[in-house]
Amino acid sequence: MSNGEENLNGRKEESYVIDEKNGSSISGIEAPGGNDLAQQFPTVNDKQLVRRIDLRLLPVLSLLYVLSFLDRVNIGNAAIFGLKADLRLTGDQFNTALLIFFIPFVVFEVPSNVFLKRLQPHVWLGGCILAFGLITLFQGFTKNYGGMLACRFFLGIFEAGVLPGCFYLMSMWYKRDEAQKRYTLLFSGCTFAGAFGGLLASAIGKMHHMRGLLGWRWVFILEGCLTCVASVFFYLCIPNFPNASKWLSQEEKDYIHAKLQADVGAVDPHESLTFKRALRIITDYKVILGGLQYFGLVVTAYSFVYFTPTIILTYGHDAITTQLLSVPPYACALLVAMAAAYISDRLAHRFLFALGSVLLAISGLVILAIVHDNTNLQYAALFMVASGSFTAQPIVLCWFSMNVRGHIERGIAIGWQIGFGGIGGIIASFSFLAKDAPQYRAGYRICIGFQCLTALTLTLYYVGVSIENRRLRNRPSEGEQVEAEDIDSVTPFKYYT
């Protein structure tokens, strides 16, 4: 069937041309040797357009994720200011409060991306932000253990869509070789939130007993109010998908669509989802490995953000000093992550950067597991864990999501990866138990084990996509046409490694 020929339903079938030079699938664009994008869109300046997209997307989504992560993990800061004693939490009840967040968080990741696609990003994400801001505020007024459990459960429902939604939206705007530093900048919102949360908590802690409320309550009340007010801004400013963005000209929309097609194949915002199609997506071995990669990383990441203040407190510091000392490891992680992302994009390579970050985190965890009489070395090891963990996560997320072709496929795959990875938060919630203080040997060993799982699955994924790329080079010859309905029977673009 030739390009532009109509099928029996009267719908034009697109054909694909495999570009042997760069492994790209080009649909609706002339094959190599015809006009390139610059010639087809002479009035569009790519660099200027990308800068405009950056200004529209990155500040808004990064701030959104900062507030999301802050509201998600501020319970760790609140615990230092008397939450456990005030709510009379005993045994592992605090850990259970952490765990219950992840049950709906895991379940609602994939459905959230489906709603995002149908309702438009500014509507869905704006609504989620208002909801979890209100719930964070309500946490400040809970009177007992049951109330805290209820708040954490509903917080998990509305937080579920934020990270996969942001990554899904960004993947519809950027090419793969443009993505890593931007994904890392977005994901660095969690490291900034960790640093800012410590500073903010140290200041809020001085409001202890103001208006008869303990310091931990003010942590939730003030941060929840901030998020609620910001939700109005997000509703107005979060960009939609390119085809629905009014600030783009039609030519610019066509250009972005063509550029993404040339990079990863057809991107149709009106694709339909069936159960069979969803099942095929999540049973792909690459999607399963992507979920396992992130799952292993999440155990360490959430262990770090929830329990670092508690760990530092065992070094003999008071509550305010503990909050301040929790800031520098996050600041260091931010710098390391951005440097790795920049170099990774320049080299168009992901595997070694991801694996190296995991090994850095493992080194820090080993030190923490075996050294218990040198607080300076233990504190330095926290820098290693933070830098390794928060560098590996955005690389893994970007590498995986940008290796998935198609609007529906990418939405489901990203939701699956982050949702399945969220199970790691359940394990993290019970990794550092009060009975194991102050050495927490079991917790460090658990984190080491799951970091090793990530290293293994990263290697398997790298080998798998390398084999897929080799098959690509050996199968279609340059210029060979592949029918649209058969596009999944061949590798339609070169996978990033």
Protein backbone atom coordinates (compact mmCIF):
# COMPACT_ATOMS: atom_id res chain seq x y z
CA MET A 1 0.00 0.00 0.00
CA SER A 2 1.60 3.27 -1.04
CA ASN A 3 1.85 6.39 1.09
CA GLY A 4 -1.46 8.23 1.09
CA GLU A 5 -3.48 5.27 -0.28
CA GLU A 6 -6.83 4.87 1.47
CA ASN A 7 -7.83 1.68 3.27
CA LEU A 8 -11.30 0.10 3.28
CA ASN A 9 -12.47 2.43 6.04
CA GLY A 10 -11.61 5.47 3.96
CA ARG A 11 -8.75 6.34 6.32
CA LYS A 12 -5.38 7.10 4.89
CA GLU A 13 -2.79 4.51 5.77
CA GLU A 14 0.66 5.83 6.48
CA SER A 15 3.75 3.98 5.36
CA TYR A 16 7.09 4.10 7.05
CA VAL A 17 10.56 4.41 5.68
CA ILE A 18 13.46 3.13 7.70
CA ASP A 19 16.38 5.54 7.66
CA GLU A 20 19.47 3.35 7.86
CA LYS A 21 21.69 6.28 8.71
CA ASN A 22 20.09 7.12 12.04
CA GLY A 23 17.66 4.26 12.56
CA SER A 24 14.67 6.58 12.63
CA SER A 25 11.18 5.83 11.43
CA ILE A 26 9.81 8.58 9.22
CA SER A 27 6.06 8.71 8.67
CA GLY A 28 4.40 11.33 6.54
CA ILE A 29 7.82 12.88 5.84
CA GLU A 30 9.80 12.43 2.71
CA ALA A 31 12.45 9.76 2.81
CA PRO A 32 16.14 10.62 3.05
CA GLY A 33 17.11 12.25 -0.18
CA GLY A 34 13.92 14.40 -0.19
CA ASN A 35 13.36 17.67 1.57
CA ASP A 36 14.49 17.69 5.20
CA LEU A 37 12.58 19.39 8.01
CA ALA A 38 14.34 22.72 7.54
CA GLN A 39 13.27 22.81 3.90
CA GLN A 40 9.71 21.69 4.66
CA PHE A 41 9.31 24.30 7.42
CA PRO A 42 11.53 27.21 6.33
CA THR A 43 10.01 29.76 8.73
CA VAL A 44 10.49 27.60 11.85
CA ASN A 45 13.73 28.08 13.78
CA ASP A 46 14.28 24.90 15.77
CA LYS A 47 16.52 26.39 18.45
CA GLN A 48 14.18 29.29 19.09
CA LEU A 49 11.18 26.97 19.19
CA VAL A 50 12.87 24.60 21.67
CA ARG A 51 13.75 27.57 23.88
CA ARG A 52 10.11 28.68 23.85
CA ILE A 53 9.01 25.16 24.74
CA ASP A 54 11.56 25.05 27.57
CA LEU A 55 10.25 28.31 29.01
CA ARG A 56 6.67 27.05 28.84
CA LEU A 57 7.25 23.54 30.19
CA LEU A 58 10.28 23.28 32.42
CA PRO A 59 9.70 26.00 35.07
CA VAL A 60 6.03 25.04 35.51
CA LEU A 61 6.53 21.27 35.64
CA SER A 62 9.63 21.52 37.83
CA LEU A 63 7.83 23.70 40.38
CA LEU A 64 4.86 21.34 40.25
CA TYR A 65 7.08 18.37 41.07
CA VAL A 66 8.86 20.26 43.86
CA LEU A 67 5.55 20.87 45.61
CA SER A 68 4.35 17.34 44.91
CA PHE A 69 7.43 15.72 46.36
CA LEU A 70 7.54 18.15 49.28
CA ASP A 71 3.99 17.26 50.28
CA ARG A 72 4.75 13.57 49.81
CA VAL A 73 7.82 13.32 52.03
CA ASN A 74 7.41 16.12 54.57
CA ILE A 75 6.17 13.53 57.04
CA GLY A 76 9.85 12.63 57.54
CA ASN A 77 10.58 16.20 58.64
CA ALA A 78 7.41 16.33 60.75
CA ALA A 79 8.49 13.21 62.63
CA ILE A 80 11.45 15.13 64.08
CA PHE A 81 9.09 17.74 65.57
CA GLY A 82 6.96 15.47 67.71
CA LEU A 83 4.47 13.83 65.33
CA LYS A 84 4.98 10.35 66.76
CA ALA A 85 4.57 11.42 70.37
CA ASP A 86 1.59 13.73 69.72
CA LEU A 87 -0.36 11.06 67.83
CA ARG A 88 0.87 8.41 70.27
CA LEU A 89 2.32 6.22 67.53
CA THR A 90 3.92 3.04 68.81
CA GLY A 91 5.92 0.21 67.29
CA ASP A 92 5.76 0.27 63.50
CA GLN A 93 2.71 2.54 63.20
CA PHE A 94 4.76 5.38 61.70
CA ASN A 95 6.10 2.97 59.07
CA THR A 96 2.54 1.84 58.32
CA ALA A 97 1.56 5.48 57.75
CA LEU A 98 4.35 5.69 55.19
CA LEU A 99 3.32 2.41 53.56
CA ILE A 100 -0.37 3.15 53.06
CA PHE A 101 0.50 6.07 50.77
CA PHE A 102 1.99 3.70 48.20
CA ILE A 103 -0.99 1.35 47.82
CA PRO A 104 -3.17 3.80 45.83
CA PHE A 105 -0.03 5.46 44.46
CA VAL A 106 0.90 2.23 42.67
CA VAL A 107 -2.64 1.36 41.53
CA PHE A 108 -3.52 4.74 40.02
CA GLU A 109 -0.33 5.50 38.03
CA VAL A 110 -1.46 3.99 34.71
CA PRO A 111 -5.14 5.11 34.92
CA SER A 112 -3.92 8.62 35.71
CA ASN A 113 -2.09 8.88 32.39
CA VAL A 114 -5.25 7.75 30.59
CA PHE A 115 -7.21 10.55 32.29
CA LEU A 116 -4.41 12.99 31.48
CA LYS A 117 -4.69 12.19 27.79
CA ARG A 118 -8.48 12.50 27.73
CA LEU A 119 -8.90 15.61 29.92
CA GLN A 120 -5.78 17.55 28.82
CA PRO A 121 -2.79 18.04 31.16
CA HIS A 122 -3.73 21.43 32.64
CA VAL A 123 -7.13 20.12 33.79
CA TRP A 124 -6.01 16.79 35.22
CA LEU A 125 -2.73 17.88 36.80
CA GLY A 126 -4.23 21.14 38.08
CA GLY A 127 -7.03 19.20 39.78
CA CYS A 128 -4.60 16.70 41.31
CA ILE A 129 -2.46 19.52 42.72
CA LEU A 130 -5.41 21.19 44.43
CA ALA A 131 -6.55 17.85 45.87
CA PHE A 132 -3.24 16.79 47.37
CA GLY A 133 -2.63 20.33 48.66
CA LEU A 134 -5.89 20.14 50.60
CA ILE A 135 -5.05 16.70 51.94
CA THR A 136 -1.60 17.89 53.07
CA LEU A 137 -3.33 20.74 54.89
CA PHE A 138 -5.75 18.29 56.55
CA GLN A 139 -2.80 16.24 57.84
CA GLY A 140 -1.92 19.18 60.06
CA PHE A 141 -5.23 18.80 61.91
CA THR A 142 -5.33 15.02 62.38
CA LYS A 143 -5.95 13.94 65.94
CA ASN A 144 -5.02 10.25 65.87
CA TYR A 145 -3.38 7.39 64.01
CA GLY A 146 -6.51 6.56 61.99
CA GLY A 147 -6.80 10.13 60.72
CA MET A 148 -3.19 10.13 59.56
CA LEU A 149 -3.71 6.82 57.74
CA ALA A 150 -6.75 8.20 55.92
CA CYS A 151 -4.89 11.34 54.84
CA ARG A 152 -1.90 9.39 53.61
CA PHE A 153 -4.13 7.04 51.61
CA PHE A 154 -5.93 9.84 49.76
CA LEU A 155 -2.66 11.69 49.30
CA GLY A 156 -1.37 8.64 47.42
CA ILE A 157 -4.38 8.70 45.06
CA PHE A 158 -3.85 12.27 43.91
CA GLU A 159 -0.04 12.22 43.94
CA ALA A 160 -0.05 9.15 41.68
CA GLY A 161 -0.48 11.07 38.45
CA VAL A 162 2.11 13.80 38.88
CA LEU A 163 5.45 12.25 37.91
CA PRO A 164 4.21 9.92 35.12
CA GLY A 165 2.00 12.72 33.85
CA CYS A 166 4.89 15.18 33.67
CA PHE A 167 7.19 12.70 31.94
CA TYR A 168 4.45 11.65 29.53
CA LEU A 169 3.75 15.28 28.64
CA MET A 170 7.42 16.08 28.13
CA SER A 171 7.93 13.04 25.92
CA MET A 172 5.37 14.52 23.52
CA TRP A 173 7.44 17.69 23.10
CA TYR A 174 11.09 16.62 22.90
CA LYS A 175 13.28 14.37 20.79
CA ARG A 176 15.32 11.72 22.56
CA ASP A 177 18.61 13.59 22.23
CA GLU A 178 16.95 16.65 23.78
CA ALA A 179 15.34 14.84 26.67
CA GLN A 180 17.83 13.70 29.33
CA LYS A 181 18.92 17.04 30.75
CA ARG A 182 15.31 18.21 30.74
CA TYR A 183 14.07 15.05 32.45
CA THR A 184 16.83 15.43 35.03
CA LEU A 185 15.95 19.07 35.60
CA LEU A 186 12.35 18.03 36.24
CA PHE A 187 13.28 15.09 38.42
CA SER A 188 15.74 17.25 40.33
CA GLY A 189 12.64 18.79 41.80
CA CYS A 190 12.74 15.95 44.31
CA THR A 191 16.32 16.75 45.33
CA PHE A 192 15.45 20.44 45.54
CA ALA A 193 12.35 19.54 47.57
CA GLY A 194 14.52 17.48 49.92
CA ALA A 195 16.91 20.38 50.42
CA PHE A 196 14.21 23.04 50.59
CA GLY A 197 12.09 20.83 52.84
CA GLY A 198 14.90 20.60 55.36
CA LEU A 199 15.45 24.37 55.35
CA LEU A 200 11.72 25.07 55.52
CA ALA A 201 11.19 22.55 58.31
CA SER A 202 14.03 24.07 60.34
CA ALA A 203 12.29 27.46 60.09
CA ILE A 204 8.78 26.11 60.69
CA GLY A 205 10.08 24.17 63.69
CA LYS A 206 10.57 27.50 65.45
CA MET A 207 6.78 27.98 65.34
CA HIS A 208 6.47 25.16 67.89
CA HIS A 209 3.41 25.85 70.15
CA MET A 210 2.41 28.94 68.14
CA ARG A 211 -1.39 29.29 68.46
CA GLY A 212 -1.34 26.09 70.48
CA LEU A 213 -0.10 23.91 67.61
CA LEU A 214 3.03 21.78 67.66
CA GLY A 215 5.76 22.32 65.05
CA TRP A 216 4.91 19.18 63.07
CA ARG A 217 1.38 20.45 62.47
CA TRP A 218 2.68 23.73 61.06
CA VAL A 219 4.86 21.78 58.62
CA PHE A 220 1.73 20.27 57.02
CA ILE A 221 -0.48 23.35 57.33
CA LEU A 222 1.88 25.85 55.73
CA GLU A 223 3.11 23.54 52.97
CA GLY A 224 -0.47 22.46 52.20
CA CYS A 225 -1.64 26.08 51.96
CA LEU A 226 1.24 26.89 49.61
CA THR A 227 0.27 24.03 47.29
CA CYS A 228 -3.43 24.99 47.26
CA VAL A 229 -2.65 28.58 46.29
CA ALA A 230 -0.19 27.40 43.62
CA SER A 231 -2.79 25.07 42.06
CA VAL A 232 -4.53 28.07 40.45
CA PHE A 233 -1.27 29.06 38.78
CA PHE A 234 -0.71 25.50 37.55
CA TYR A 235 -4.22 25.22 36.11
CA LEU A 236 -3.62 28.36 34.06
CA CYS A 237 -0.01 27.69 33.06
CA ILE A 238 0.49 23.93 32.53
CA PRO A 239 0.89 23.40 28.76
CA ASN A 240 -1.23 20.87 26.92
CA PHE A 241 -0.04 18.53 24.17
CA PRO A 242 1.42 20.30 21.13
CA ASN A 243 -1.65 19.82 18.93
CA ALA A 244 -3.85 21.58 21.55
CA SER A 245 -1.45 24.42 22.47
CA LYS A 246 -2.82 27.81 21.42
CA TRP A 247 0.55 29.56 21.78
CA LEU A 248 1.91 27.62 18.78
CA SER A 249 1.19 28.44 15.17
CA GLN A 250 -0.17 25.64 13.00
CA GLU A 251 3.17 25.39 11.20
CA GLU A 252 4.98 25.01 14.52
CA LYS A 253 2.56 22.26 15.57
CA ASP A 254 3.17 20.46 12.30
CA TYR A 255 6.91 20.89 12.72
CA ILE A 256 6.92 19.36 16.24
CA HIS A 257 4.75 16.50 15.02
CA ALA A 258 7.07 15.84 12.07
CA LYS A 259 10.20 16.11 14.22
CA LEU A 260 8.92 13.52 16.69
CA GLN A 261 7.83 11.24 13.86
CA ALA A 262 11.33 11.39 12.41
CA ASP A 263 12.77 10.54 15.83
CA VAL A 264 10.49 7.75 17.11
CA GLY A 265 7.80 7.11 14.52
CA ALA A 266 4.15 8.04 14.33
CA VAL A 267 2.71 9.99 17.28
CA ASP A 268 -1.06 10.12 16.90
CA PRO A 269 -2.89 11.92 19.76
CA HIS A 270 -6.18 10.29 18.71
CA GLU A 271 -5.08 6.68 19.07
CA SER A 272 -7.51 4.33 20.82
CA LEU A 273 -6.66 1.98 23.67
CA THR A 274 -7.86 -1.61 23.90
CA PHE A 275 -7.25 -4.19 26.60
CA LYS A 276 -5.31 -6.38 24.17
CA ARG A 277 -3.10 -3.48 23.21
CA ALA A 278 -2.46 -2.52 26.85
CA LEU A 279 -1.60 -6.13 27.70
CA ARG A 280 0.82 -6.32 24.79
CA ILE A 281 2.54 -3.16 25.99
CA ILE A 282 3.06 -4.19 29.61
CA THR A 283 4.19 -7.74 28.74
CA ASP A 284 7.01 -6.52 26.49
CA TYR A 285 10.26 -7.64 28.13
CA LYS A 286 11.68 -4.12 27.84
CA VAL A 287 8.72 -2.68 29.75
CA ILE A 288 9.08 -5.32 32.48
CA LEU A 289 12.80 -4.57 32.83
CA GLY A 290 12.07 -0.84 32.93
CA GLY A 291 9.71 -1.35 35.85
CA LEU A 292 12.24 -3.49 37.73
CA GLN A 293 14.97 -0.90 37.19
CA TYR A 294 12.92 1.86 38.76
CA PHE A 295 11.57 -0.45 41.47
CA GLY A 296 15.10 -1.13 42.74
CA LEU A 297 15.98 2.57 42.73
CA VAL A 298 12.83 3.65 44.55
CA VAL A 299 13.59 1.53 47.62
CA THR A 300 16.77 3.50 48.28
CA ALA A 301 15.32 6.86 47.23
CA TYR A 302 12.33 6.75 49.56
CA SER A 303 14.39 5.24 52.37
CA PHE A 304 16.70 8.23 51.99
CA VAL A 305 14.04 10.96 51.94
CA TYR A 306 11.94 9.47 54.75
CA PHE A 307 14.69 8.43 57.13
CA THR A 308 17.71 10.68 56.51
CA PRO A 309 16.57 13.18 59.20
CA THR A 310 16.14 10.28 61.63
CA ILE A 311 19.56 8.83 60.69
CA ILE A 312 21.31 12.19 61.11
CA LEU A 313 19.55 12.63 64.46
CA THR A 314 21.35 9.50 65.70
CA TYR A 315 24.66 11.31 65.09
CA GLY A 316 23.94 13.39 68.19
CA HIS A 317 22.45 16.61 66.77
CA ASP A 318 19.36 18.51 67.93
CA ALA A 319 16.20 18.71 65.80
CA ILE A 320 16.94 22.06 64.08
CA THR A 321 20.58 21.14 63.29
CA THR A 322 19.41 17.77 61.96
CA GLN A 323 17.05 19.47 59.50
CA LEU A 324 19.84 21.79 58.31
CA LEU A 325 22.33 18.93 57.90
CA SER A 326 19.85 17.07 55.70
CA VAL A 327 20.17 19.83 53.05
CA PRO A 328 23.78 19.49 51.69
CA PRO A 329 23.46 15.87 50.42
CA TYR A 330 20.51 16.94 48.25
CA ALA A 331 22.38 19.97 46.94
CA CYS A 332 25.33 17.78 45.96
CA ALA A 333 23.00 15.27 44.29
CA LEU A 334 21.44 18.05 42.21
CA LEU A 335 24.82 19.14 40.84
CA VAL A 336 25.96 15.58 40.08
CA ALA A 337 22.65 14.71 38.38
CA MET A 338 22.68 17.77 36.11
CA ALA A 339 26.33 17.20 35.12
CA ALA A 340 25.63 13.54 34.28
CA ALA A 341 22.52 14.49 32.30
CA TYR A 342 24.36 17.09 30.23
CA ILE A 343 27.18 14.71 29.33
CA SER A 344 24.72 11.85 28.70
CA ASP A 345 22.81 13.97 26.17
CA ARG A 346 26.02 15.09 24.49
CA LEU A 347 27.17 11.50 24.07
CA ALA A 348 23.66 10.15 23.34
CA HIS A 349 24.36 7.34 25.81
CA ARG A 350 22.53 6.23 28.97
CA PHE A 351 23.70 2.83 30.21
CA LEU A 352 27.12 3.65 31.67
CA PHE A 353 25.82 6.79 33.37
CA ALA A 354 22.95 4.88 34.96
CA LEU A 355 25.14 1.95 36.04
CA GLY A 356 27.87 4.24 37.38
CA SER A 357 25.32 6.13 39.48
CA VAL A 358 23.97 2.89 40.92
CA LEU A 359 27.49 1.75 41.85
CA LEU A 360 28.11 5.11 43.57
CA ALA A 361 24.98 4.64 45.67
CA ILE A 362 25.97 1.06 46.53
CA SER A 363 29.40 2.29 47.71
CA GLY A 364 27.78 4.78 50.07
CA LEU A 365 25.35 2.19 51.42
CA VAL A 366 28.17 -0.27 52.09
CA ILE A 367 29.99 2.37 54.15
CA LEU A 368 26.84 3.11 56.14
CA ALA A 369 26.26 -0.61 56.73
CA ILE A 370 29.72 -1.34 58.14
CA VAL A 371 30.91 1.95 59.70
CA HIS A 372 29.19 2.97 62.94
CA ASP A 373 31.87 4.86 64.86
CA ASN A 374 32.83 7.68 62.47
CA THR A 375 30.00 10.18 62.00
CA ASN A 376 31.98 12.28 59.51
CA LEU A 377 32.49 9.30 57.20
CA GLN A 378 28.87 8.24 57.69
CA TYR A 379 27.68 11.73 56.76
CA ALA A 380 29.92 11.72 53.67
CA ALA A 381 28.40 8.38 52.68
CA LEU A 382 24.97 10.04 52.67
CA PHE A 383 26.28 12.33 49.91
CA MET A 384 27.27 9.28 47.88
CA VAL A 385 23.89 7.62 48.34
CA ALA A 386 21.98 10.79 47.43
CA SER A 387 24.16 11.57 44.40
CA GLY A 388 24.01 8.02 43.07
CA SER A 389 20.31 7.46 43.67
CA PHE A 390 19.01 10.81 42.43
CA THR A 391 21.26 10.72 39.37
CA ALA A 392 20.26 7.20 38.33
CA GLN A 393 16.51 7.73 38.61
CA PRO A 394 16.01 10.42 35.93
CA ILE A 395 18.43 8.63 33.59
CA VAL A 396 16.50 5.38 33.94
CA LEU A 397 13.16 7.11 33.50
CA CYS A 398 14.26 9.10 30.46
CA TRP A 399 16.11 6.20 28.83
CA PHE A 400 13.10 3.94 29.12
CA SER A 401 10.32 6.40 28.23
CA MET A 402 12.08 7.82 25.18
CA ASN A 403 12.70 4.29 23.89
CA VAL A 404 8.94 3.73 23.62
CA ARG A 405 7.25 4.72 20.36
CA GLY A 406 3.67 5.91 20.15
CA HIS A 407 1.31 8.09 22.18
CA ILE A 408 -0.67 5.28 23.80
CA GLU A 409 2.35 2.98 24.22
CA ARG A 410 4.36 5.68 25.92
CA GLY A 411 1.55 6.69 28.27
CA ILE A 412 0.92 3.11 29.39
CA ALA A 413 4.62 2.20 29.63
CA ILE A 414 5.57 5.28 31.68
CA GLY A 415 2.63 4.75 34.02
CA TRP A 416 3.60 1.10 34.41
CA GLN A 417 7.25 1.85 35.11
CA ILE A 418 6.58 4.48 37.74
CA GLY A 419 3.60 2.60 39.18
CA PHE A 420 5.44 -0.69 39.51
CA GLY A 421 8.47 1.17 40.81
CA GLY A 422 6.26 2.71 43.47
CA ILE A 423 6.02 -0.72 45.11
CA GLY A 424 9.58 -0.01 46.21
CA GLY A 425 8.14 2.70 48.45
CA ILE A 426 6.23 0.04 50.35
CA ILE A 427 9.46 -1.84 51.03
CA ALA A 428 11.25 1.41 51.91
CA SER A 429 8.56 2.21 54.49
CA PHE A 430 9.57 -0.83 56.54
CA SER A 431 13.29 -0.89 55.81
CA PHE A 432 14.35 1.35 58.68
CA LEU A 433 12.56 0.27 61.84
CA ALA A 434 12.85 1.89 65.26
CA LYS A 435 14.06 -1.39 66.76
CA ASP A 436 17.09 -1.33 64.41
CA ALA A 437 18.26 2.14 65.50
CA PRO A 438 20.85 3.58 65.56
CA GLN A 439 22.83 1.31 63.20
CA TYR A 440 19.98 0.30 60.86
CA ARG A 441 22.00 -2.57 59.39
CA ALA A 442 18.93 -4.31 57.98
CA GLY A 443 17.79 -1.17 56.17
CA TYR A 444 21.14 -0.59 54.50
CA ARG A 445 21.36 -4.22 53.40
CA ILE A 446 17.89 -4.07 51.89
CA CYS A 447 18.85 -0.96 49.91
CA ILE A 448 22.08 -2.60 48.71
CA GLY A 449 20.16 -5.65 47.50
CA PHE A 450 17.69 -3.61 45.47
CA GLN A 451 20.42 -1.43 44.00
CA CYS A 452 22.04 -4.66 42.79
CA LEU A 453 18.71 -5.65 41.23
CA THR A 454 18.72 -2.34 39.35
CA ALA A 455 22.29 -2.91 38.14
CA LEU A 456 21.30 -6.35 36.84
CA THR A 457 18.16 -5.19 35.03
CA LEU A 458 19.99 -2.19 33.56
CA THR A 459 22.53 -4.57 32.06
CA LEU A 460 19.83 -6.89 30.69
CA TYR A 461 17.95 -3.94 29.19
CA TYR A 462 21.14 -2.62 27.58
CA VAL A 463 21.89 -6.03 26.08
CA GLY A 464 18.30 -6.36 24.87
CA VAL A 465 18.07 -3.01 23.07
CA SER A 466 21.55 -3.54 21.61
CA ILE A 467 20.34 -6.81 20.09
CA GLU A 468 17.20 -5.03 18.79
CA ASN A 469 19.39 -2.41 17.13
CA ARG A 470 21.50 -5.12 15.52
CA ARG A 471 18.33 -6.71 14.13
CA LEU A 472 17.28 -3.34 12.74
CA ARG A 473 20.52 -3.05 10.81
CA ASN A 474 20.12 -6.57 9.42
CA ARG A 475 16.42 -6.57 8.47
CA PRO A 476 14.97 -3.68 6.43
CA SER A 477 17.13 -2.27 3.69
CA GLU A 478 17.24 1.45 3.12
CA GLY A 479 14.08 2.71 1.50
CA GLU A 480 12.12 -0.49 2.15
CA GLN A 481 8.49 0.31 2.96
CA VAL A 482 6.75 -1.16 5.98
CA GLU A 483 2.97 -1.10 6.27
CA ALA A 484 1.59 0.88 9.22
CA GLU A 485 -0.35 -2.09 10.57
CA ASP A 486 2.86 -4.16 10.55
CA ILE A 487 5.04 -1.50 12.14
CA ASP A 488 5.40 -3.40 15.41
CA SER A 489 6.80 -6.44 13.62
CA VAL A 490 10.05 -4.58 13.04
CA THR A 491 12.06 -2.23 15.18
CA PRO A 492 10.94 1.11 13.76
CA PHE A 493 13.65 3.24 15.29
CA LYS A 494 17.07 2.92 16.81
CA TYR A 495 16.95 2.41 20.57
CA TYR A 496 19.09 4.60 22.76
CA THR A 497 21.74 2.68 24.65
